[in-house]
Amino acid sequence: MLLSLVRILNSTMKIFVGADHAGFKLKERLVPFLKKLGHEVKDMGAFEYNENDDYPDFMLPIANEVSQNPKEVRAILVGGSGQGEAMVANRFKNVRATVWYGGNEEILKLSREHNDANILSIGARFVEVENALKNVEVWLDIPFTNQERHERRIKKIDNQ
């Protein structure tokens, strides 16, 4: 019930989505799922499966978009492990990308509540599609706590 209420309040969230070849299948399921939840989705590619593509080509423009509007937009990156994708994203000011490749959803909750993560990087080789969709929804619905200690830490990261 609470997640449904939060979703209604956040229904106009703009979300950038991108994937390389390793995350392509999951991204193709993720985009319509997010639209069905009522979000404005900008698919940044890959637009076809190409085993020779390079994840930075898709992740750099997305991270730049989030960097320019860190409070207004979010992004979901999908790659093999999610690690390289998050490394690319975290090079940008105002970007806080977290990696998730299955398991306990508590890490997703903490990434939002404590770190105000604005990019979720998913390791597609380690998660089932349905589990990924469920947990993306959880991540999108969790608000930042706005506690002073967390805001202070984020400012230290962003002002380096």
N, C-alpha and C. Protein backbone atom coordinates (compact mmCIF):
# COMPACT_ATOMS: atom_id res chain seq x y z
N MET A 1 0.82 -1.19 0.00
CA MET A 1 0.00 0.00 0.00
C MET A 1 0.86 1.25 0.00
N LEU A 2 1.86 1.31 0.89
CA LEU A 2 2.74 2.47 0.96
C LEU A 2 3.50 2.66 -0.35
N LEU A 3 4.02 1.56 -0.92
CA LEU A 3 4.74 1.67 -2.18
C LEU A 3 3.83 2.18 -3.29
N SER A 4 2.58 1.79 -3.28
CA SER A 4 1.64 2.27 -4.28
C SER A 4 1.43 3.77 -4.15
N LEU A 5 1.32 4.26 -2.92
CA LEU A 5 1.15 5.69 -2.68
C LEU A 5 2.37 6.47 -3.13
N VAL A 6 3.56 5.97 -2.79
CA VAL A 6 4.80 6.63 -3.22
C VAL A 6 4.88 6.65 -4.73
N ARG A 7 4.50 5.55 -5.39
CA ARG A 7 4.54 5.47 -6.84
C ARG A 7 3.63 6.51 -7.46
N ILE A 8 2.46 6.72 -6.90
CA ILE A 8 1.55 7.73 -7.40
C ILE A 8 2.19 9.11 -7.30
N LEU A 9 2.85 9.38 -6.18
CA LEU A 9 3.50 10.67 -5.99
C LEU A 9 4.68 10.86 -6.93
N ASN A 10 5.34 9.79 -7.31
CA ASN A 10 6.52 9.86 -8.17
C ASN A 10 6.21 9.46 -9.61
N SER A 11 4.97 9.45 -10.01
CA SER A 11 4.60 8.88 -11.30
C SER A 11 5.16 9.64 -12.49
N THR A 12 5.62 10.85 -12.31
CA THR A 12 6.16 11.61 -13.43
C THR A 12 7.68 11.61 -13.46
N MET A 13 8.31 10.72 -12.75
CA MET A 13 9.76 10.67 -12.71
C MET A 13 10.32 10.38 -14.11
N LYS A 14 11.36 11.10 -14.49
CA LYS A 14 12.04 10.84 -15.75
C LYS A 14 13.20 9.89 -15.47
N ILE A 15 13.26 8.81 -16.23
CA ILE A 15 14.26 7.78 -16.02
C ILE A 15 14.98 7.50 -17.34
N PHE A 16 16.30 7.62 -17.32
CA PHE A 16 17.12 7.25 -18.46
C PHE A 16 17.54 5.80 -18.29
N VAL A 17 17.48 5.04 -19.38
CA VAL A 17 17.82 3.62 -19.32
C VAL A 17 18.80 3.32 -20.44
N GLY A 18 19.82 2.53 -20.11
CA GLY A 18 20.78 2.13 -21.12
C GLY A 18 21.40 0.79 -20.81
N ALA A 19 21.87 0.13 -21.86
CA ALA A 19 22.48 -1.18 -21.70
C ALA A 19 23.45 -1.45 -22.84
N ASP A 20 24.42 -2.29 -22.56
CA ASP A 20 25.25 -2.82 -23.63
C ASP A 20 24.68 -4.18 -24.03
N HIS A 21 25.44 -4.94 -24.80
CA HIS A 21 24.95 -6.24 -25.27
C HIS A 21 24.59 -7.18 -24.12
N ALA A 22 25.36 -7.15 -23.05
CA ALA A 22 25.11 -8.07 -21.93
C ALA A 22 23.82 -7.74 -21.20
N GLY A 23 23.40 -6.49 -21.23
CA GLY A 23 22.18 -6.09 -20.55
C GLY A 23 21.01 -5.84 -21.48
N PHE A 24 21.22 -6.06 -22.78
CA PHE A 24 20.21 -5.71 -23.77
C PHE A 24 18.85 -6.37 -23.52
N LYS A 25 18.85 -7.68 -23.28
CA LYS A 25 17.57 -8.39 -23.07
C LYS A 25 16.80 -7.84 -21.87
N LEU A 26 17.50 -7.58 -20.78
CA LEU A 26 16.84 -7.05 -19.59
C LEU A 26 16.33 -5.64 -19.85
N LYS A 27 17.11 -4.82 -20.53
CA LYS A 27 16.67 -3.45 -20.84
C LYS A 27 15.40 -3.47 -21.67
N GLU A 28 15.31 -4.39 -22.60
CA GLU A 28 14.13 -4.48 -23.45
C GLU A 28 12.86 -4.83 -22.66
N ARG A 29 13.02 -5.49 -21.56
CA ARG A 29 11.89 -5.77 -20.66
C ARG A 29 11.66 -4.61 -19.69
N LEU A 30 12.73 -3.95 -19.31
CA LEU A 30 12.67 -2.88 -18.33
C LEU A 30 11.96 -1.63 -18.84
N VAL A 31 12.22 -1.23 -20.06
CA VAL A 31 11.63 0.00 -20.61
C VAL A 31 10.10 -0.04 -20.59
N PRO A 32 9.46 -1.06 -21.15
CA PRO A 32 7.99 -1.07 -21.09
C PRO A 32 7.45 -1.22 -19.67
N PHE A 33 8.19 -1.92 -18.82
CA PHE A 33 7.78 -2.07 -17.42
C PHE A 33 7.73 -0.71 -16.74
N LEU A 34 8.76 0.09 -16.93
CA LEU A 34 8.81 1.42 -16.31
C LEU A 34 7.71 2.33 -16.86
N LYS A 35 7.46 2.24 -18.14
CA LYS A 35 6.39 3.05 -18.75
C LYS A 35 5.03 2.65 -18.18
N LYS A 36 4.85 1.36 -17.98
CA LYS A 36 3.59 0.87 -17.41
C LYS A 36 3.39 1.39 -15.98
N LEU A 37 4.50 1.62 -15.27
CA LEU A 37 4.41 2.18 -13.92
C LEU A 37 4.10 3.68 -13.94
N GLY A 38 4.12 4.28 -15.12
CA GLY A 38 3.78 5.69 -15.25
C GLY A 38 4.95 6.63 -15.35
N HIS A 39 6.16 6.10 -15.50
CA HIS A 39 7.34 6.95 -15.58
C HIS A 39 7.59 7.41 -17.01
N GLU A 40 8.24 8.55 -17.15
CA GLU A 40 8.73 9.02 -18.45
C GLU A 40 10.08 8.36 -18.66
N VAL A 41 10.20 7.55 -19.68
CA VAL A 41 11.40 6.75 -19.90
C VAL A 41 12.11 7.20 -21.17
N LYS A 42 13.40 7.42 -21.06
CA LYS A 42 14.23 7.75 -22.22
C LYS A 42 15.21 6.61 -22.43
N ASP A 43 14.96 5.80 -23.45
CA ASP A 43 15.83 4.68 -23.79
C ASP A 43 17.02 5.23 -24.57
N MET A 44 18.21 5.05 -24.01
CA MET A 44 19.44 5.59 -24.60
C MET A 44 20.27 4.50 -25.31
N GLY A 45 19.66 3.34 -25.55
CA GLY A 45 20.36 2.28 -26.26
C GLY A 45 20.97 1.28 -25.28
N ALA A 46 21.51 0.29 -25.82
CA ALA A 46 21.63 -0.16 -27.19
C ALA A 46 20.24 -0.45 -27.76
N PHE A 47 20.13 -0.22 -29.06
CA PHE A 47 18.84 -0.42 -29.72
C PHE A 47 18.78 -1.73 -30.48
N GLU A 48 19.90 -2.45 -30.50
CA GLU A 48 19.95 -3.79 -31.06
C GLU A 48 21.07 -4.55 -30.39
N TYR A 49 20.97 -5.85 -30.43
CA TYR A 49 22.02 -6.68 -29.83
C TYR A 49 23.26 -6.65 -30.72
N ASN A 50 24.39 -6.27 -30.13
CA ASN A 50 25.67 -6.26 -30.84
C ASN A 50 26.72 -6.67 -29.83
N GLU A 51 27.20 -7.89 -29.94
CA GLU A 51 28.13 -8.41 -28.95
C GLU A 51 29.46 -7.65 -28.89
N ASN A 52 29.71 -6.78 -29.86
CA ASN A 52 30.97 -6.02 -29.88
C ASN A 52 30.81 -4.58 -29.41
N ASP A 53 29.63 -4.22 -28.90
CA ASP A 53 29.47 -2.83 -28.45
C ASP A 53 30.22 -2.63 -27.13
N ASP A 54 30.41 -1.37 -26.76
CA ASP A 54 31.15 -1.01 -25.56
C ASP A 54 30.27 -0.22 -24.61
N TYR A 55 30.15 -0.68 -23.38
CA TYR A 55 29.24 -0.06 -22.41
C TYR A 55 29.47 1.44 -22.20
N PRO A 56 30.71 1.97 -22.24
CA PRO A 56 30.84 3.41 -22.03
C PRO A 56 30.08 4.25 -23.06
N ASP A 57 29.93 3.72 -24.27
CA ASP A 57 29.22 4.48 -25.30
C ASP A 57 27.77 4.78 -24.90
N PHE A 58 27.18 3.93 -24.11
CA PHE A 58 25.80 4.12 -23.67
C PHE A 58 25.72 4.80 -22.30
N MET A 59 26.68 4.50 -21.45
CA MET A 59 26.63 4.99 -20.07
C MET A 59 27.06 6.45 -19.93
N LEU A 60 28.02 6.89 -20.72
CA LEU A 60 28.49 8.27 -20.62
C LEU A 60 27.39 9.30 -20.85
N PRO A 61 26.58 9.19 -21.92
CA PRO A 61 25.51 10.19 -22.10
C PRO A 61 24.46 10.15 -21.00
N ILE A 62 24.19 8.97 -20.47
CA ILE A 62 23.20 8.86 -19.40
C ILE A 62 23.73 9.51 -18.13
N ALA A 63 24.96 9.21 -17.77
CA ALA A 63 25.54 9.81 -16.57
C ALA A 63 25.60 11.32 -16.70
N ASN A 64 25.88 11.82 -17.88
CA ASN A 64 25.89 13.26 -18.10
C ASN A 64 24.50 13.86 -17.85
N GLU A 65 23.47 13.21 -18.32
CA GLU A 65 22.09 13.68 -18.10
C GLU A 65 21.77 13.74 -16.61
N VAL A 66 22.13 12.71 -15.88
CA VAL A 66 21.85 12.68 -14.44
C VAL A 66 22.68 13.74 -13.73
N SER A 67 23.91 13.91 -14.15
CA SER A 67 24.79 14.92 -13.55
C SER A 67 24.21 16.33 -13.68
N GLN A 68 23.55 16.60 -14.78
CA GLN A 68 22.97 17.92 -15.02
C GLN A 68 21.69 18.16 -14.21
N ASN A 69 20.99 17.07 -13.87
CA ASN A 69 19.71 17.16 -13.15
C ASN A 69 19.62 16.09 -12.07
N PRO A 70 20.53 16.10 -11.09
CA PRO A 70 20.62 14.98 -10.16
C PRO A 70 19.41 14.77 -9.26
N LYS A 71 18.62 15.78 -9.03
CA LYS A 71 17.44 15.65 -8.17
C LYS A 71 16.18 15.36 -8.98
N GLU A 72 16.20 15.67 -10.28
CA GLU A 72 14.99 15.57 -11.09
C GLU A 72 14.87 14.27 -11.87
N VAL A 73 16.01 13.62 -12.13
CA VAL A 73 15.98 12.41 -12.95
C VAL A 73 16.73 11.28 -12.25
N ARG A 74 16.47 10.08 -12.74
CA ARG A 74 17.23 8.91 -12.31
C ARG A 74 17.58 8.10 -13.54
N ALA A 75 18.43 7.12 -13.34
CA ALA A 75 18.83 6.26 -14.45
C ALA A 75 19.02 4.84 -13.98
N ILE A 76 18.85 3.95 -14.94
CA ILE A 76 19.11 2.53 -14.72
C ILE A 76 20.02 2.06 -15.83
N LEU A 77 21.18 1.55 -15.43
CA LEU A 77 22.17 1.04 -16.36
C LEU A 77 22.19 -0.47 -16.25
N VAL A 78 22.31 -1.15 -17.37
CA VAL A 78 22.30 -2.61 -17.34
C VAL A 78 23.48 -3.14 -18.15
N GLY A 79 24.31 -3.91 -17.49
CA GLY A 79 25.46 -4.54 -18.14
C GLY A 79 25.66 -5.93 -17.61
N GLY A 80 26.76 -6.52 -17.95
CA GLY A 80 27.03 -7.88 -17.49
C GLY A 80 27.10 -7.98 -15.98
N SER A 81 27.99 -7.20 -15.38
CA SER A 81 28.13 -7.21 -13.92
C SER A 81 27.54 -5.96 -13.27
N GLY A 82 27.40 -4.89 -14.03
CA GLY A 82 26.96 -3.62 -13.48
C GLY A 82 28.11 -2.80 -12.94
N GLN A 83 29.26 -3.41 -12.76
CA GLN A 83 30.41 -2.74 -12.15
C GLN A 83 30.99 -1.65 -13.05
N GLY A 84 31.34 -2.00 -14.27
CA GLY A 84 31.93 -1.03 -15.19
C GLY A 84 30.97 0.12 -15.47
N GLU A 85 29.70 -0.20 -15.59
CA GLU A 85 28.69 0.82 -15.85
C GLU A 85 28.64 1.84 -14.72
N ALA A 86 28.68 1.34 -13.48
CA ALA A 86 28.67 2.24 -12.32
C ALA A 86 29.96 3.04 -12.24
N MET A 87 31.08 2.44 -12.60
CA MET A 87 32.35 3.17 -12.58
C MET A 87 32.32 4.34 -13.55
N VAL A 88 31.78 4.13 -14.73
CA VAL A 88 31.63 5.22 -15.69
C VAL A 88 30.75 6.31 -15.09
N ALA A 89 29.61 5.94 -14.57
CA ALA A 89 28.65 6.92 -14.05
C ALA A 89 29.23 7.71 -12.89
N ASN A 90 29.93 7.05 -12.00
CA ASN A 90 30.42 7.71 -10.79
C ASN A 90 31.58 8.68 -11.04
N ARG A 91 32.03 8.80 -12.26
CA ARG A 91 33.04 9.80 -12.61
C ARG A 91 32.42 11.19 -12.77
N PHE A 92 31.09 11.25 -12.82
CA PHE A 92 30.40 12.52 -13.04
C PHE A 92 29.99 13.14 -11.71
N LYS A 93 30.14 14.45 -11.62
CA LYS A 93 29.72 15.19 -10.44
C LYS A 93 28.20 15.03 -10.26
N ASN A 94 27.78 14.92 -9.03
CA ASN A 94 26.36 14.80 -8.64
C ASN A 94 25.74 13.44 -8.96
N VAL A 95 26.54 12.51 -9.42
CA VAL A 95 26.03 11.17 -9.72
C VAL A 95 26.45 10.24 -8.59
N ARG A 96 25.49 9.45 -8.14
CA ARG A 96 25.75 8.43 -7.13
C ARG A 96 25.12 7.13 -7.62
N ALA A 97 25.96 6.33 -8.27
CA ALA A 97 25.49 5.07 -8.84
C ALA A 97 25.77 3.93 -7.87
N THR A 98 24.79 3.09 -7.71
CA THR A 98 24.94 1.91 -6.87
C THR A 98 24.80 0.67 -7.75
N VAL A 99 25.50 -0.39 -7.39
CA VAL A 99 25.47 -1.63 -8.16
C VAL A 99 24.60 -2.64 -7.44
N TRP A 100 23.78 -3.32 -8.22
CA TRP A 100 22.96 -4.41 -7.66
C TRP A 100 23.00 -5.58 -8.64
N TYR A 101 23.27 -6.75 -8.11
CA TYR A 101 23.27 -7.95 -8.94
C TYR A 101 22.59 -9.09 -8.21
N GLY A 102 21.45 -8.75 -7.62
CA GLY A 102 20.64 -9.76 -6.96
C GLY A 102 20.86 -9.74 -5.46
N GLY A 103 20.11 -10.58 -4.82
CA GLY A 103 20.26 -10.70 -3.38
C GLY A 103 19.30 -9.81 -2.62
N ASN A 104 19.66 -9.58 -1.39
CA ASN A 104 18.82 -8.84 -0.45
C ASN A 104 18.53 -7.44 -0.96
N GLU A 105 17.26 -7.04 -0.93
CA GLU A 105 16.89 -5.71 -1.40
C GLU A 105 17.25 -4.61 -0.40
N GLU A 106 17.74 -4.97 0.77
CA GLU A 106 18.13 -3.97 1.76
C GLU A 106 19.19 -3.02 1.22
N ILE A 107 20.11 -3.54 0.38
CA ILE A 107 21.15 -2.69 -0.18
C ILE A 107 20.54 -1.61 -1.07
N LEU A 108 19.49 -1.95 -1.78
CA LEU A 108 18.80 -0.96 -2.61
C LEU A 108 18.15 0.11 -1.75
N LYS A 109 17.53 -0.33 -0.68
CA LYS A 109 16.88 0.59 0.25
C LYS A 109 17.90 1.57 0.83
N LEU A 110 19.02 1.05 1.30
CA LEU A 110 20.05 1.91 1.90
C LEU A 110 20.68 2.85 0.88
N SER A 111 20.82 2.39 -0.35
CA SER A 111 21.42 3.25 -1.38
C SER A 111 20.55 4.48 -1.64
N ARG A 112 19.27 4.35 -1.46
CA ARG A 112 18.36 5.49 -1.63
C ARG A 112 18.25 6.30 -0.34
N GLU A 113 17.98 5.62 0.77
CA GLU A 113 17.75 6.33 2.03
C GLU A 113 18.99 7.08 2.52
N HIS A 114 20.15 6.45 2.43
CA HIS A 114 21.36 7.04 3.00
C HIS A 114 22.23 7.78 1.99
N ASN A 115 22.23 7.32 0.73
CA ASN A 115 23.15 7.87 -0.27
C ASN A 115 22.45 8.66 -1.38
N ASP A 116 21.12 8.67 -1.36
CA ASP A 116 20.36 9.34 -2.41
C ASP A 116 20.86 8.92 -3.79
N ALA A 117 21.09 7.62 -3.96
CA ALA A 117 21.57 7.09 -5.25
C ALA A 117 20.60 7.49 -6.34
N ASN A 118 21.14 8.02 -7.43
CA ASN A 118 20.29 8.43 -8.54
C ASN A 118 20.50 7.57 -9.78
N ILE A 119 21.42 6.63 -9.70
CA ILE A 119 21.60 5.65 -10.77
C ILE A 119 21.70 4.27 -10.15
N LEU A 120 20.95 3.35 -10.74
CA LEU A 120 21.01 1.94 -10.36
C LEU A 120 21.68 1.19 -11.50
N SER A 121 22.77 0.52 -11.20
CA SER A 121 23.50 -0.26 -12.19
C SER A 121 23.29 -1.73 -11.89
N ILE A 122 22.70 -2.44 -12.84
CA ILE A 122 22.31 -3.83 -12.63
C ILE A 122 23.23 -4.79 -13.38
N GLY A 123 23.67 -5.82 -12.69
CA GLY A 123 24.45 -6.89 -13.30
C GLY A 123 23.50 -7.94 -13.87
N ALA A 124 23.21 -7.82 -15.16
CA ALA A 124 22.20 -8.66 -15.80
C ALA A 124 22.56 -10.14 -15.80
N ARG A 125 23.83 -10.45 -15.76
CA ARG A 125 24.23 -11.87 -15.78
C ARG A 125 23.96 -12.58 -14.46
N PHE A 126 23.55 -11.83 -13.44
CA PHE A 126 23.40 -12.39 -12.11
C PHE A 126 21.98 -12.33 -11.57
N VAL A 127 21.04 -11.79 -12.35
CA VAL A 127 19.66 -11.65 -11.86
C VAL A 127 18.67 -12.20 -12.88
N GLU A 128 17.60 -12.73 -12.36
CA GLU A 128 16.48 -13.13 -13.21
C GLU A 128 15.66 -11.88 -13.54
N VAL A 129 15.06 -11.87 -14.70
CA VAL A 129 14.31 -10.69 -15.17
C VAL A 129 13.25 -10.26 -14.17
N GLU A 130 12.42 -11.18 -13.72
CA GLU A 130 11.32 -10.80 -12.82
C GLU A 130 11.83 -10.23 -11.50
N ASN A 131 12.91 -10.79 -11.00
CA ASN A 131 13.50 -10.28 -9.77
C ASN A 131 14.06 -8.88 -10.00
N ALA A 132 14.69 -8.67 -11.13
CA ALA A 132 15.22 -7.35 -11.45
C ALA A 132 14.09 -6.32 -11.54
N LEU A 133 13.01 -6.65 -12.22
CA LEU A 133 11.90 -5.71 -12.35
C LEU A 133 11.32 -5.35 -10.98
N LYS A 134 11.12 -6.36 -10.17
CA LYS A 134 10.58 -6.13 -8.82
C LYS A 134 11.48 -5.20 -8.03
N ASN A 135 12.78 -5.43 -8.09
CA ASN A 135 13.71 -4.64 -7.29
C ASN A 135 13.96 -3.25 -7.86
N VAL A 136 13.83 -3.09 -9.16
CA VAL A 136 13.89 -1.75 -9.74
C VAL A 136 12.73 -0.92 -9.20
N GLU A 137 11.57 -1.53 -9.15
CA GLU A 137 10.39 -0.83 -8.60
C GLU A 137 10.62 -0.44 -7.14
N VAL A 138 11.20 -1.34 -6.37
CA VAL A 138 11.51 -1.03 -4.97
C VAL A 138 12.46 0.16 -4.91
N TRP A 139 13.54 0.12 -5.69
CA TRP A 139 14.54 1.18 -5.67
C TRP A 139 13.93 2.53 -6.04
N LEU A 140 13.08 2.53 -7.03
CA LEU A 140 12.45 3.79 -7.46
C LEU A 140 11.50 4.36 -6.40
N ASP A 141 10.91 3.49 -5.61
CA ASP A 141 9.92 3.92 -4.63
C ASP A 141 10.50 4.39 -3.30
N ILE A 142 11.77 4.10 -3.06
CA ILE A 142 12.38 4.44 -1.77
C ILE A 142 12.85 5.90 -1.79
N PRO A 143 12.38 6.71 -0.86
CA PRO A 143 12.84 8.11 -0.81
C PRO A 143 14.14 8.28 -0.04
N PHE A 144 14.85 9.35 -0.33
CA PHE A 144 16.02 9.76 0.45
C PHE A 144 15.51 10.28 1.79
N THR A 145 16.23 9.99 2.87
CA THR A 145 15.75 10.39 4.21
C THR A 145 15.91 11.88 4.48
N ASN A 146 16.81 12.53 3.79
CA ASN A 146 17.12 13.95 4.03
C ASN A 146 17.68 14.20 5.42
N GLN A 147 18.18 13.18 6.07
CA GLN A 147 18.80 13.38 7.37
C GLN A 147 20.10 14.17 7.19
N GLU A 148 20.37 15.03 8.13
CA GLU A 148 21.53 15.92 8.05
C GLU A 148 22.83 15.15 7.82
N ARG A 149 23.03 14.06 8.53
CA ARG A 149 24.29 13.33 8.40
C ARG A 149 24.47 12.77 7.00
N HIS A 150 23.39 12.35 6.37
CA HIS A 150 23.49 11.82 5.00
C HIS A 150 23.69 12.95 4.00
N GLU A 151 23.00 14.05 4.19
CA GLU A 151 23.19 15.22 3.32
C GLU A 151 24.63 15.73 3.41
N ARG A 152 25.17 15.77 4.62
CA ARG A 152 26.54 16.23 4.85
C ARG A 152 27.53 15.34 4.08
N ARG A 153 27.33 14.06 4.14
CA ARG A 153 28.24 13.12 3.47
C ARG A 153 28.15 13.25 1.96
N ILE A 154 26.95 13.41 1.46
CA ILE A 154 26.77 13.56 0.00
C ILE A 154 27.43 14.85 -0.48
N LYS A 155 27.31 15.93 0.29
CA LYS A 155 27.97 17.19 -0.07
C LYS A 155 29.49 17.01 -0.14
N LYS A 156 30.03 16.24 0.76
CA LYS A 156 31.48 15.98 0.75
C LYS A 156 31.89 15.24 -0.53
N ILE A 157 31.06 14.33 -0.97
CA ILE A 157 31.34 13.60 -2.20
C ILE A 157 31.22 14.53 -3.41
N ASP A 158 30.14 15.27 -3.46
CA ASP A 158 29.86 16.11 -4.63
C ASP A 158 30.77 17.31 -4.74
N ASN A 159 31.36 17.77 -3.64
CA ASN A 159 32.19 18.97 -3.66
C ASN A 159 33.68 18.70 -3.77
N GLN A 160 34.07 17.50 -4.08
CA GLN A 160 35.50 17.21 -4.16
C GLN A 160 36.12 17.80 -5.40
